[in-house]
Every structure is written in C-alpha cells, then in structure tokens.
C-alpha cells in the first residue's frame, strides 16, 4: 500500500496540484491504518472495516469519503503504471450536503443585525 500511496503523491506533485497538502493528510491517515498490508490483499471488506474504524474515531463522513477517494485514485495511478490489474470496490459515504441558500431578505436581515456601520460595509462587500 505504501508504494501506491507514494506514487499518488508523486503524481500530484508532478502535476502541481493545489491540494497536495490535503492529499498528504489523507495519505497519513491511510498509512496509519493500513501499514504493512499488501495492496493486492486489501479487498472490499477491509475498506468497509477502514470506514467503520474511522467513524468509530468520530471522523466526519466527508473526511472518510475523501480518504477513500485518495485510496481509489492511488489504485488508478498504480493500475496505469502496470502495478495492479484490478481496483477493489470501496464503500461510498453518505455526505451531508447543504440545501438552500440565504434569500436577499435573509441576507439583509443579517446585515441589519450587525453592529457598527463599518462592519456592515465590510460584510456587504464580500
């Protein structure tokens, strides 16, 4: 597993991706849980256990989802390099997606409740 995660990080750095830091944090979590395991032996049941263990640690589903995406991407990079033939199925996490946005009237209500006028000006600029 270590080798394909390293390949993923090298690929991201080579392509000058902006999210290399975020990838490194996800890789660190993956390494901590999967250290010493051969990538060919990690199947869907192991990925389900990984997700369940991370949830038990009170890690958000969004973070777990990203870590699984990173692992999936590492498999894809390794397959493209000819190291792997198949990519195991991985669990999909239910994400909390924000629904709805502020209406203009709600935004104005927030601005009206702001303290000093300078603060209202600064908030309305953004």
Foldseek 3Di string as FASTA:
>chain_A
DVVLLVLLLVVCVVVVPPCSVVSVVLVVLVCVQCPPPDPVPCAQVNLVVSLVVVVVVVDDLVSSQVSVVSVQVSVVSCVVVVNDVDDHDYDHGDDDDDDDDDDPVRVVVVLVPDDDPVVSVVVVVD
